[in-house]
Structures are given as C-alpha cells and as structure tokens.
C-alpha cells in the first residue's frame, strides 16, 4: 500500500491564490463530463460527450499543490472550452491513503461497522476523513477490504476550487478501479491471476487480481519508470512472491501499462523466467475514458456517501423552502381575504350610516305598530278571559241529543251562580207521554245519563221529579206526566 509521505498537508489543501480566477461560461448540466486525472504530480483532463472522448489536455509541468492545480485547471478549461458542470476525479497522491483491513467472516453490515470503527481510530490520530471500502481476497477464511481514505480538509479545498469554476465533483476514484475494469476485458481466461503495473505520474501502481474475479491486493510504488526502473523490477518480483506465499497463487502473466517502457528490461531480468510479460503503451487519458464508462453509483466512489447526504440536505432545504413559501402565500391570501372582508364591512357600515334616517323613521313606525298590536292583543285577552263560556247552549244541545221521543222540554234554564260556590246551576221542565210508572223510569234514566256525562250533573233531591197532569174531557187521550229536574253541573 501507499506509505505516508512526510509532506505537510497544507501544501495540497492550501487555497488557490495567485492571479484572479477567470469567469467561466457554464451551460449547466448539458450532458458533457470533465475527467481529471491527478496522479502523483501528473495532471490530465479530458472532456467526454456521451462517454466519448471530445478533447483532452495534459499539464506540461508537475502539479503538486492546490495553487498549481488551480492555475493548470484554468488553462485547461480555456483550451478545452468545457461548458458543462459534471466532473469526476481519478486521484492518486500522498494524501489518498489505501490500506488493507482483514476481519473474520462476518456479514456485510458487520463488516461496514468494523471498517467504520477503524476509520474512527484513524481520525483520532489524524483528521476527519472520507472513506470507502473495496472488497479484496481474504487470507484463509478471512474477509479483506482495501480501505481508501482521503482527508476531509483536502476534499473541502478541492470542492471549493471546483465550485469557484462552476464544476460539480460527483466522483473520486482510486486508480485501482479502472485498472480492475480493464483487466476484466483482457483476452485472458477467466479466473487466471495477472499482475498489472501502471505508470502513475511519479509513481507506479501494482495490482494482482484474477481476470473477471476478485482483487488480491494492490500497492503503490513511489518510483517512476524513467528514473528508477531497477526498483520497479524488484518490487514487481516481490509482489509476485507475496501473491504466491500469501494466496498460493502463481502469477504467470505480467502486464506493463504506461508511456515509458524503460522498466521492461529490469522486469524481465527480475521476474521474466517462466512468465509472459506484455508491454502495452497506455496514457492516463485512457484511464479517464474507462472511468467515464463506469456507472455514476459505483461502489468505490469516495464521495458517494457525502453526495447522498448533500442531496438529502438539499431535499430537506427544498421542502422547508416550499413549506415556508406556501405558508407565506397562505398568510398573504388570508390577509387579503381579511382585508376584503373588512373593506366589505366598511362599505356596508357606510351604506347603513347613509340610510340611518330612513331606517330610524321606519323603526318608529314599527314600534308604534307593535304597541297598537300589543294593546289589541291585551284587549282581546281580557275579553276572552272575562266572558263566560257557552255552557247553556252546549248543554241544551247535549240534552236534545239524549232526550227520548216520549219526552218534551217546556223550559231549560242554565245560569252562573257567582254568589255561591255551586258554579253552574240548571233547571229542566218538561212532559212525558207515558203512564206514571213509565214516566218515572224515563226521568230516572235521564238523570243517570246526566250524572255519567262530561257535565258531571248533580240533581237536587228536593226538586219535583214527576207530577201527573190533569186529563181533559177526552178519555181516550194518552197519559201525560210533568217533570222537573234541578241541580248543578261542572263541579270541580
């Protein structure tokens, strides 16, 4: 793995100072993507349109600090005339640390928790860090991950530099990602182990993996192909021996990918016996083109989690803004509705004030009419209460309805007795065309009916009931009896 280089972190994370930054015309997200390859001092940029290379640029001098990166980036953007915003970074430098972490055979969730704990311990000794774990082949029955870690201060400085130029950094990938992808496309049988050595600026990346399978391990050698080819040959041979000892894997194929092939002789001298060494001239722009074809949500994207949190925070801010604006609109509508209602009430009040004299006069008329109506109702009520009920007529009608045909009324008197507590008194005089005994029965029956009737009649026992009338000279005439009933009725 990459050993730490004792270079102050501020040399890479320092702000972009110097000449003023030119304003770049941006067309927004127009589908174009800018790939930046910053590999141990070498800087290469490429523009991709629908994943096809549209232009590229390479720095003529080493780029090691943020100031140098800013100046080189301005020059590249002017020459490439890039109008989009999407940017991805293929990064390898002394700030980007890669280390192997092994653990027992545990679940993916437990493995992520274990890696998170390792990162937390690392942060206690260094600084807050962005990280991502890449699965690798484990020794024996263990799980293994390559832990890629980048200081957050470095990432923040890089983001500020790109945002000032209207560039949106969506991916940061280590060099091992495109190397492994291209390895799977080599014309080699699946499952065969291969060692790949790639020239990466002033360093060399060495990776051993199985074609179409898992990554065994990866290393970064701080030696360039042109300056120290002997060391490269030695380290490649040591990597072959390590793969054989630790993984029991005999690597027979070695691929050298780079622009300077001066290390080929040294590699052949150190490890060429029984191995097939292939030299393939490769430029960093080709690695950028490989990254451009990767899916946006690649699992080894260093900033995937950070971007996910940013998108979540952005969504929350948008929801809050929408809610605030909706509340303001509702408050405005409510205020407008209230103002309209108040204005309507004021207009109505003004109309009522203008119509006040007519309404007051009408009110006086209505009050007078109500007073007269109340007086009339009082008079009618007094008359109704003081007038006696029509008892005599109703009683006469009732007597007529129950009187048998043998009986005739000659006199009926009903009057109200105010001087006594008797109430209504009556007197009935009449005749009965029957003999004395029959007449008495008919009168007694009439009395019983009156007693049981709603009139609640009570006859006076002293009143004369039946008296025989004297006959005329005609002896054949029927017997006629005279009767009288007196008493009271409607007693409480």
Protein backbone atom coordinates (compact mmCIF):
# COMPACT_ATOMS: atom_id res chain seq x y z
CA UNK A 1 0.00 0.00 0.00
CA UNK A 2 0.94 3.63 -0.31
CA UNK A 3 3.33 4.66 2.52
CA UNK A 4 2.72 8.07 4.03
CA UNK A 5 4.98 10.82 2.67
CA UNK A 6 6.10 13.47 5.10
CA UNK A 7 4.72 16.36 3.11
CA UNK A 8 2.75 18.99 5.02
CA UNK A 9 -0.96 18.61 4.37
CA UNK A 10 -1.25 22.33 3.82
CA UNK A 11 0.82 22.04 0.65
CA UNK A 12 -2.08 20.29 -1.02
CA UNK A 13 -5.00 21.77 0.86
CA UNK A 14 -3.91 25.43 0.65
CA UNK A 15 -6.34 27.83 -1.05
CA UNK A 16 -5.94 28.74 -4.69
CA UNK A 17 -4.01 32.02 -4.50
CA UNK A 18 -2.32 33.99 -7.26
CA UNK A 19 -3.90 35.72 -10.24
CA UNK A 20 -7.65 36.34 -10.22
CA UNK A 21 -9.79 33.42 -11.33
CA UNK A 22 -11.40 33.98 -14.76
CA UNK A 23 -15.15 33.68 -15.05
CA UNK A 24 -16.12 30.53 -16.93
CA UNK A 25 -19.23 30.41 -19.08
CA UNK A 26 -21.29 27.40 -18.00
CA UNK A 27 -24.16 25.83 -19.90
CA UNK A 28 -25.33 23.91 -16.83
CA UNK A 29 -25.75 20.14 -16.99
CA UNK A 30 -25.52 19.78 -20.77
CA UNK A 31 -24.54 16.10 -20.67
CA UNK A 32 -20.79 16.68 -21.02
CA UNK A 33 -18.45 15.40 -18.31
CA UNK A 34 -14.96 16.58 -17.36
CA UNK A 35 -12.50 13.92 -16.24
CA UNK A 36 -9.49 14.96 -14.15
CA UNK A 37 -6.61 12.56 -13.64
CA UNK A 38 -4.30 13.80 -10.87
CA UNK A 39 -1.73 11.04 -10.43
CA UNK A 40 1.31 11.79 -8.25
CA UNK A 41 2.12 15.15 -9.83
CA UNK A 42 0.84 14.49 -13.34
CA UNK A 43 -2.38 16.22 -14.36
CA UNK A 44 -4.55 15.19 -17.29
CA UNK A 45 -8.02 16.46 -18.26
CA UNK A 46 -10.45 15.04 -20.79
CA UNK A 47 -13.92 16.08 -21.94
CA UNK A 48 -16.46 13.34 -22.64
CA UNK A 49 -19.63 13.78 -24.60
CA UNK A 50 -21.96 10.77 -24.17
CA UNK A 51 -18.98 8.81 -22.81
CA UNK A 52 -16.95 9.51 -25.97
CA UNK A 53 -13.72 11.48 -25.83
CA UNK A 54 -14.23 15.02 -27.17
CA UNK A 55 -10.89 16.56 -26.18
CA UNK A 56 -8.02 16.21 -23.73
CA UNK A 57 -5.27 18.27 -22.13
CA UNK A 58 -2.14 17.39 -20.13
CA UNK A 59 -0.04 19.63 -17.88
CA UNK A 60 3.47 20.19 -19.13
CA UNK A 61 4.88 20.63 -15.59
CA UNK A 62 4.28 18.66 -12.38
CA UNK A 63 1.22 19.72 -10.37
CA UNK A 64 1.58 19.06 -6.65
CA UNK A 65 -0.31 21.84 -4.81
CA UNK A 66 -3.78 23.36 -4.93
CA UNK A 67 -2.36 26.61 -6.33
CA UNK A 68 -0.68 24.74 -9.18
CA UNK A 69 -3.88 22.75 -9.73
CA UNK A 70 -5.98 25.93 -9.91
CA UNK A 71 -3.68 27.56 -12.46
CA UNK A 72 -3.47 24.40 -14.58
CA UNK A 73 -7.23 23.91 -14.38
CA UNK A 74 -7.91 27.45 -15.63
CA UNK A 75 -5.59 26.92 -18.57
CA UNK A 76 -7.16 23.55 -19.41
CA UNK A 77 -10.70 24.90 -19.24
CA UNK A 78 -9.81 27.73 -21.62
CA UNK A 79 -8.31 25.33 -24.14
CA UNK A 80 -10.96 22.63 -23.84
CA UNK A 81 -13.85 25.17 -23.75
CA UNK A 82 -15.76 22.90 -21.40
CA UNK A 83 -19.28 24.24 -20.82
CA UNK A 84 -20.73 21.57 -18.53
CA UNK A 85 -20.62 21.05 -14.78
CA UNK A 86 -20.25 17.31 -14.06
CA UNK A 87 -16.70 16.44 -13.02
CA UNK A 88 -15.04 13.24 -11.84
CA UNK A 89 -11.55 12.82 -10.40
CA UNK A 90 -9.12 9.92 -10.76
CA UNK A 91 -6.80 10.56 -7.84
CA UNK A 92 -3.51 9.17 -6.59
CA UNK A 93 -1.26 11.20 -4.27
CA UNK A 94 0.28 11.08 -0.84
CA UNK A 95 -2.95 12.36 0.76
CA UNK A 96 -5.00 9.48 -0.64
CA UNK A 97 -4.25 6.57 1.70
CA UNK A 98 -5.01 2.91 0.89
CA UNK A 99 -4.62 0.20 3.48
CA UNK A 100 -5.65 -3.44 3.79
CA UNK A 101 -8.08 -4.38 6.57
CA UNK A 102 -8.83 -8.05 7.37
CA UNK A 103 -11.59 -9.43 9.57
CA UNK A 104 -13.35 -12.74 10.26
CA UNK A 105 -16.11 -14.00 8.01
CA UNK A 106 -18.93 -11.65 9.01
CA UNK A 107 -21.93 -10.10 7.29
CA UNK A 108 -21.65 -7.04 5.06
CA UNK A 109 -23.34 -4.82 7.67
CA UNK A 110 -20.94 -6.02 10.38
CA UNK A 111 -18.00 -5.51 8.02
CA UNK A 112 -19.07 -1.91 7.36
CA UNK A 113 -19.34 -1.31 11.13
CA UNK A 114 -15.85 -2.75 11.60
CA UNK A 115 -14.40 -0.51 8.89
CA UNK A 116 -16.19 2.49 10.38
CA UNK A 117 -14.56 1.75 13.73
CA UNK A 118 -11.13 1.54 12.08
CA UNK A 119 -11.70 4.89 10.40
CA UNK A 120 -12.73 6.47 13.70
CA UNK A 121 -9.49 5.29 15.30
CA UNK A 122 -7.59 6.65 12.31
CA UNK A 123 -9.35 10.02 12.65
CA UNK A 124 -8.32 10.30 16.32
CA UNK A 125 -4.68 10.29 15.24
CA UNK A 126 -5.08 12.34 12.07
CA UNK A 127 -8.14 14.33 10.96
CA UNK A 128 -11.73 13.81 9.73
CA UNK A 129 -11.66 11.54 6.72
CA UNK A 130 -13.76 10.46 3.75
CA UNK A 131 -13.54 6.72 3.20
CA UNK A 132 -14.85 3.77 1.23
CA UNK A 133 -14.09 0.05 1.45
CA UNK A 134 -13.31 -2.04 -1.63
CA UNK A 135 -13.62 -5.84 -1.26
CA UNK A 136 -10.46 -7.87 -1.83
CA UNK A 137 -9.46 -11.53 -1.50
CA UNK A 138 -9.01 -12.58 2.11
CA UNK A 139 -6.32 -14.81 3.55
CA UNK A 140 -7.57 -18.28 4.53
CA UNK A 141 -11.10 -17.83 5.98
CA UNK A 142 -10.96 -14.07 6.49
CA UNK A 143 -12.61 -11.18 4.74
CA UNK A 144 -10.42 -8.41 3.37
CA UNK A 145 -11.06 -4.85 2.25
CA UNK A 146 -8.90 -2.11 0.77
CA UNK A 147 -9.78 0.97 2.81
CA UNK A 148 -9.42 4.14 0.72
CA UNK A 149 -9.19 7.26 2.92
CA UNK A 150 -8.89 10.94 1.99
CA UNK A 151 -8.63 13.86 4.46
CA UNK A 152 -11.85 15.86 4.53
CA UNK A 153 -9.87 19.13 4.57
CA UNK A 154 -8.26 18.16 1.28
CA UNK A 155 -11.66 17.28 -0.18
CA UNK A 156 -13.21 20.56 1.03
CA UNK A 157 -10.37 22.59 -0.53
CA UNK A 158 -10.75 20.68 -3.77
CA UNK A 159 -14.52 21.25 -3.78
CA UNK A 160 -14.10 24.99 -3.20
CA UNK A 161 -11.61 25.17 -6.05
CA UNK A 162 -14.02 23.40 -8.43
CA UNK A 163 -17.16 25.22 -7.26
CA UNK A 164 -15.47 28.56 -7.94
CA UNK A 165 -15.14 27.35 -11.55
CA UNK A 166 -18.75 26.09 -11.64
CA UNK A 167 -17.73 22.46 -11.62
CA UNK A 168 -19.67 19.80 -9.70
CA UNK A 169 -17.48 16.99 -8.36
CA UNK A 170 -19.56 13.79 -8.44
CA UNK A 171 -16.92 11.02 -8.21
CA UNK A 172 -13.47 10.46 -6.71
CA UNK A 173 -12.00 7.07 -7.64
CA UNK A 174 -8.62 5.45 -6.96
CA UNK A 175 -6.57 4.20 -9.91
CA UNK A 176 -7.19 0.58 -8.95
CA UNK A 177 -10.84 0.87 -10.09
CA UNK A 178 -10.24 1.47 -13.81
CA UNK A 179 -7.29 -0.96 -13.76
CA UNK A 180 -9.50 -3.77 -12.46
CA UNK A 181 -12.20 -2.97 -15.02
CA UNK A 182 -9.74 -3.08 -17.90
CA UNK A 183 -8.22 -6.28 -16.53
CA UNK A 184 -11.59 -7.99 -16.87
CA UNK A 185 -11.51 -7.08 -20.57
CA UNK A 186 -8.05 -8.57 -21.26
CA UNK A 187 -8.03 -11.54 -23.68
CA UNK A 188 -7.18 -13.97 -20.87
CA UNK A 189 -9.12 -16.91 -19.49
CA UNK A 190 -11.43 -16.05 -16.62
CA UNK A 191 -10.01 -16.75 -13.18
CA UNK A 192 -6.36 -16.52 -14.26
CA UNK A 193 -4.20 -14.36 -11.94
CA UNK A 194 -2.48 -11.38 -13.57
CA UNK A 195 -0.12 -8.71 -12.25
CA UNK A 196 -0.65 -5.27 -13.73
CA UNK A 197 1.87 -2.45 -13.25
CA UNK A 198 0.67 1.00 -14.28
CA UNK A 199 2.71 4.18 -14.65
CA UNK A 200 1.00 6.84 -12.50
CA UNK A 201 2.96 10.06 -12.81
CA UNK A 202 5.93 9.88 -10.47
CA UNK A 203 4.79 6.54 -9.04
CA UNK A 204 3.78 3.05 -10.14
CA UNK A 205 0.57 1.24 -9.20
CA UNK A 206 0.86 -2.56 -8.92
CA UNK A 207 -2.23 -4.75 -8.70
CA UNK A 208 -2.69 -8.51 -8.64
CA UNK A 209 -6.16 -9.83 -9.44
CA UNK A 210 -7.96 -12.66 -11.14
CA UNK A 211 -9.48 -11.89 -14.51
CA UNK A 212 -13.23 -11.49 -14.03
CA UNK A 213 -12.79 -12.23 -10.32
CA UNK A 214 -11.67 -10.75 -7.05
CA UNK A 215 -8.81 -8.38 -6.36
CA UNK A 216 -5.97 -9.97 -4.41
CA UNK A 217 -4.00 -6.87 -3.38
CA UNK A 218 -2.71 -3.55 -4.71
CA UNK A 219 0.39 -1.49 -3.98
CA UNK A 220 1.75 1.92 -4.91
CA UNK A 221 5.47 2.23 -5.55
CA UNK A 222 6.99 5.69 -5.23
CA UNK A 223 9.29 5.11 -8.20
CA UNK A 224 8.90 6.31 -11.78
CA UNK A 225 9.57 4.17 -14.81
CA UNK A 226 12.15 6.53 -16.24
CA UNK A 227 14.02 7.47 -13.04
CA UNK A 228 14.19 4.17 -11.15
CA UNK A 229 13.37 1.17 -13.40
CA UNK A 230 15.51 -1.20 -11.31
CA UNK A 231 13.40 -0.64 -8.21
CA UNK A 232 10.23 -1.19 -10.21
CA UNK A 233 11.53 -4.56 -11.42
CA UNK A 234 12.48 -5.52 -7.86
CA UNK A 235 9.11 -4.53 -6.38
CA UNK A 236 7.18 -6.35 -9.08
CA UNK A 237 9.16 -9.51 -8.33
CA UNK A 238 8.45 -9.10 -4.60
CA UNK A 239 4.75 -8.69 -5.40
CA UNK A 240 4.79 -11.96 -7.37
CA UNK A 241 6.43 -13.76 -4.46
CA UNK A 242 3.91 -12.23 -2.00
CA UNK A 243 0.98 -13.42 -4.11
CA UNK A 244 2.44 -16.95 -4.20
CA UNK A 245 3.19 -17.07 -0.46
CA UNK A 246 0.02 -15.47 0.91
CA UNK A 247 -2.60 -16.58 -1.57
CA UNK A 248 -0.98 -19.69 -3.06
CA UNK A 249 -1.37 -18.08 -6.44
CA UNK A 250 1.29 -18.50 -9.13
CA UNK A 251 1.12 -15.46 -11.43
CA UNK A 252 2.37 -16.23 -14.93
CA UNK A 253 1.27 -13.07 -16.73
CA UNK A 254 2.61 -9.55 -16.14
CA UNK A 255 1.19 -6.54 -17.92
CA UNK A 256 3.14 -3.25 -18.03
CA UNK A 257 0.89 -0.30 -18.85
CA UNK A 258 2.49 3.10 -19.34
CA UNK A 259 4.15 5.53 -21.74
CA UNK A 260 7.80 4.90 -20.81
CA UNK A 261 8.91 1.31 -21.36
CA UNK A 262 12.41 1.64 -19.87
CA UNK A 263 11.38 -0.63 -16.97
CA UNK A 264 10.69 -3.56 -19.28
CA UNK A 265 14.31 -4.78 -19.24
CA UNK A 266 14.51 -4.67 -15.44
CA UNK A 267 11.21 -6.51 -15.09
CA UNK A 268 12.39 -9.21 -17.49
CA UNK A 269 15.66 -9.54 -15.57
CA UNK A 270 13.99 -9.84 -12.16
CA UNK A 271 10.93 -11.95 -12.89
CA UNK A 272 10.88 -12.92 -16.53
CA UNK A 273 11.69 -16.60 -16.07
CA UNK A 274 8.60 -18.68 -16.89
CA UNK A 275 6.34 -15.64 -17.10
CA UNK A 276 4.71 -13.85 -20.01
CA UNK A 277 5.44 -10.12 -19.85
CA UNK A 278 3.30 -7.89 -22.06
CA UNK A 279 4.02 -4.21 -22.61
CA UNK A 280 1.04 -2.06 -23.60
CA UNK A 281 1.57 1.70 -24.11
CA UNK A 282 -1.20 3.40 -22.13
CA UNK A 283 -1.93 7.07 -21.42
CA UNK A 284 -3.76 8.46 -18.35
CA UNK A 285 -6.47 9.75 -20.69
CA UNK A 286 -7.37 6.14 -21.43
CA UNK A 287 -7.91 5.53 -17.72
CA UNK A 288 -10.16 8.60 -17.63
CA UNK A 289 -12.12 7.19 -20.54
CA UNK A 290 -12.55 3.93 -18.61
CA UNK A 291 -13.86 5.87 -15.58
CA UNK A 292 -16.29 7.79 -17.82
CA UNK A 293 -17.91 4.46 -18.77
CA UNK A 294 -18.44 3.41 -15.15
CA UNK A 295 -21.92 3.82 -13.64
CA UNK A 296 -22.44 7.02 -11.60
CA UNK A 297 -23.15 5.00 -8.44
CA UNK A 298 -20.00 2.91 -8.47
CA UNK A 299 -19.50 1.28 -5.04
CA UNK A 300 -15.92 2.57 -4.72
CA UNK A 301 -16.89 6.22 -5.26
CA UNK A 302 -15.27 8.04 -2.33
CA UNK A 303 -17.83 10.87 -2.24
CA UNK A 304 -20.98 8.77 -2.76
CA UNK A 305 -21.98 8.98 0.92
CA UNK A 306 -21.16 12.68 1.14
CA UNK A 307 -23.14 13.45 -2.00
CA UNK A 308 -26.05 11.36 -0.72
CA UNK A 309 -26.11 13.41 2.48
CA UNK A 310 -25.85 16.62 0.47
CA UNK A 311 -28.76 15.56 -1.73
CA UNK A 312 -30.76 14.69 1.39
CA UNK A 313 -29.98 18.06 2.97
CA UNK A 314 -30.79 19.78 -0.32
CA UNK A 315 -34.11 17.95 -0.49
CA UNK A 316 -34.88 18.89 3.11
CA UNK A 317 -34.00 22.53 2.38
CA UNK A 318 -36.23 22.47 -0.69
CA UNK A 319 -39.10 21.00 1.30
CA UNK A 320 -38.60 23.63 4.01
CA UNK A 321 -38.44 26.40 1.41
CA UNK A 322 -41.60 25.12 -0.26
CA UNK A 323 -43.31 24.90 3.13
CA UNK A 324 -42.17 28.43 4.06
CA UNK A 325 -43.27 29.88 0.73
CA UNK A 326 -46.58 28.02 0.98
CA UNK A 327 -47.07 29.41 4.49
CA UNK A 328 -46.25 32.92 3.23
CA UNK A 329 -48.71 32.52 0.34
CA UNK A 330 -51.40 31.26 2.71
CA UNK A 331 -50.72 34.17 5.08
CA UNK A 332 -50.91 36.56 2.14
CA UNK A 333 -54.19 35.03 0.94
CA UNK A 334 -55.58 35.13 4.48
CA UNK A 335 -54.51 38.76 4.89
CA UNK A 336 -56.03 39.64 1.51
CA UNK A 337 -59.27 37.82 2.39
CA UNK A 338 -59.42 39.58 5.75
CA UNK A 339 -58.78 42.94 4.10
CA UNK A 340 -61.51 42.28 1.53
CA UNK A 341 -63.95 41.25 4.27
CA UNK A 342 -63.07 44.35 6.33
CA UNK A 343 -63.48 46.55 3.28
CA UNK A 344 -66.88 44.99 2.60
CA UNK A 345 -67.95 45.57 6.20
CA UNK A 346 -66.81 49.18 5.99
CA UNK A 347 -68.82 49.70 2.80
CA UNK A 348 -71.86 48.12 4.40
CA UNK A 349 -71.44 50.30 7.50
CA UNK A 350 -71.18 53.39 5.31
CA UNK A 351 -74.38 52.43 3.49
CA UNK A 352 -76.15 51.85 6.81
CA UNK A 353 -75.00 55.23 8.09
CA UNK A 354 -76.29 56.91 4.93
CA UNK A 355 -79.63 55.08 5.32
CA UNK A 356 -79.86 55.73 9.07
CA UNK A 357 -82.60 58.46 8.96
CA UNK A 358 -84.94 56.32 6.84
CA UNK A 359 -84.30 53.27 8.98
CA UNK A 360 -84.90 55.25 12.18
CA UNK A 361 -88.23 56.55 10.84
CA UNK A 362 -89.24 53.06 9.79
CA UNK A 363 -88.27 51.77 13.20
CA UNK A 364 -90.52 54.35 14.88
CA UNK A 365 -93.42 53.23 12.69
CA UNK A 366 -92.80 49.60 13.54
CA UNK A 367 -92.56 50.38 17.25
CA UNK A 368 -95.88 52.22 17.11
CA UNK A 369 -97.47 49.37 15.16
CA UNK A 370 -96.18 46.86 17.71
CA UNK A 371 -97.55 48.99 20.54
CA UNK A 372 -101.02 49.09 18.92
CA UNK A 373 -100.93 45.36 18.20
CA UNK A 374 -99.93 44.65 21.81
CA UNK A 375 -102.79 46.82 23.06
CA UNK A 376 -105.26 44.96 20.83
CA UNK A 377 -103.96 41.61 21.98
CA UNK A 378 -104.34 42.71 25.61
CA UNK A 379 -107.93 43.79 24.98
CA UNK A 380 -108.81 40.53 23.26
CA UNK A 381 -107.22 38.54 26.05
CA UNK A 382 -109.18 40.45 28.69
CA UNK A 383 -112.40 39.98 26.77
CA UNK A 384 -111.77 36.28 26.30
CA UNK A 385 -110.92 35.79 29.96
CA UNK A 386 -113.92 37.78 31.29
CA UNK A 387 -116.60 36.28 29.01
CA UNK A 388 -118.46 33.22 30.27
CA UNK A 389 -118.10 30.08 28.20
CA UNK A 390 -121.12 29.00 26.06
CA UNK A 391 -122.30 26.39 28.59
CA UNK A 392 -126.10 26.95 28.22
CA UNK A 393 -126.19 26.38 24.52
CA UNK A 394 -123.90 23.36 24.58
CA UNK A 395 -125.84 21.88 27.50
CA UNK A 396 -129.14 22.38 25.64
CA UNK A 397 -127.65 20.65 22.62
CA UNK A 398 -126.47 17.76 24.73
CA UNK A 399 -129.96 17.39 26.39
CA UNK A 400 -131.58 17.39 22.96
CA UNK A 401 -129.27 14.61 21.79
CA UNK A 402 -130.08 12.23 24.66
CA UNK A 403 -133.80 13.08 25.18
CA UNK A 404 -136.10 10.13 24.29
CA UNK A 405 -139.03 10.73 21.93
CA UNK A 406 -141.60 10.35 24.74
CA UNK A 407 -140.19 13.40 26.49
CA UNK A 408 -140.68 17.07 25.61
CA UNK A 409 -138.91 20.08 27.11
CA UNK A 410 -141.01 23.04 28.08
CA UNK A 411 -138.32 25.10 29.77
CA UNK A 412 -134.48 24.99 30.16
CA UNK A 413 -132.58 27.43 32.33
CA UNK A 414 -128.77 27.46 32.84
CA UNK A 415 -127.03 30.25 34.77
CA UNK A 416 -123.79 31.04 36.53
CA UNK A 417 -124.04 31.39 40.30
CA UNK A 418 -121.42 33.91 41.36
CA UNK A 419 -122.70 34.33 44.90
CA UNK A 420 -122.16 30.70 45.81
CA UNK A 421 -119.55 28.14 45.15
CA UNK A 422 -122.04 25.99 43.28
CA UNK A 423 -120.91 27.15 39.83
CA UNK A 424 -123.39 26.44 37.04
CA UNK A 425 -126.97 25.64 38.02
CA UNK A 426 -129.74 24.35 35.78
CA UNK A 427 -133.48 23.72 35.73
CA UNK A 428 -135.26 21.45 33.30
CA UNK A 429 -139.07 21.42 32.88
CA UNK A 430 -140.84 19.04 30.53
CA UNK A 431 -143.55 16.44 29.92
CA UNK A 432 -143.58 12.68 29.38
CA UNK A 433 -146.25 10.95 27.33
CA UNK A 434 -146.49 7.81 29.42
CA UNK A 435 -148.13 6.49 32.49
CA UNK A 436 -146.79 7.44 35.89
CA UNK A 437 -144.51 4.45 36.36
CA UNK A 438 -143.00 4.64 32.85
CA UNK A 439 -142.52 8.37 33.21
CA UNK A 440 -140.60 7.92 36.42
CA UNK A 441 -138.33 5.34 34.76
CA UNK A 442 -137.62 7.63 31.81
CA UNK A 443 -136.80 10.58 34.08
CA UNK A 444 -134.55 8.36 36.25
CA UNK A 445 -132.75 7.14 33.12
CA UNK A 446 -132.25 10.76 32.02
CA UNK A 447 -130.79 11.61 35.41
CA UNK A 448 -128.36 8.70 35.27
CA UNK A 449 -127.16 9.77 31.82
CA UNK A 450 -126.58 13.32 33.04
CA UNK A 451 -124.65 12.11 36.07
CA UNK A 452 -122.35 9.95 33.91
CA UNK A 453 -121.95 12.61 31.22
CA UNK A 454 -118.97 15.06 30.97
CA UNK A 455 -121.24 17.69 32.53
CA UNK A 456 -120.96 15.98 35.94
CA UNK A 457 -124.60 16.79 36.80
CA UNK A 458 -125.85 16.55 40.42
CA UNK A 459 -129.60 16.84 40.86
CA UNK A 460 -131.32 18.32 43.91
CA UNK A 461 -133.23 15.66 45.79
CA UNK A 462 -135.89 18.20 46.86
CA UNK A 463 -136.77 19.09 43.28
CA UNK A 464 -140.11 17.81 41.97
CA UNK A 465 -139.47 14.92 39.62
CA UNK A 466 -142.78 13.67 38.16
CA UNK A 467 -146.27 15.09 38.59
CA UNK A 468 -149.37 13.83 36.84
CA UNK A 469 -151.15 16.38 34.66
CA UNK A 470 -154.94 16.59 34.84
CA UNK A 471 -156.84 14.97 31.97
CA UNK A 472 -159.10 16.75 29.60
CA UNK A 473 -162.63 15.66 28.80
CA UNK A 474 -161.37 13.20 26.19
CA UNK A 475 -160.99 9.89 27.99
CA UNK A 476 -159.13 8.33 25.09
CA UNK A 477 -156.17 10.74 25.34
CA UNK A 478 -152.77 9.35 26.42
CA UNK A 479 -151.42 9.91 29.90
CA UNK A 480 -149.08 12.91 30.22
CA UNK A 481 -146.77 13.44 33.18
CA UNK A 482 -144.94 16.64 34.09
CA UNK A 483 -141.37 16.53 35.44
CA UNK A 484 -138.76 19.00 36.70
CA UNK A 485 -135.01 18.49 37.31
CA UNK A 486 -132.88 21.00 39.19
CA UNK A 487 -129.26 20.85 40.25
CA UNK A 488 -125.72 21.88 39.44
CA UNK A 489 -123.09 20.78 36.89
CA UNK A 490 -119.41 21.10 36.06
CA UNK A 491 -118.42 20.86 39.70
CA UNK A 492 -114.73 20.87 40.43
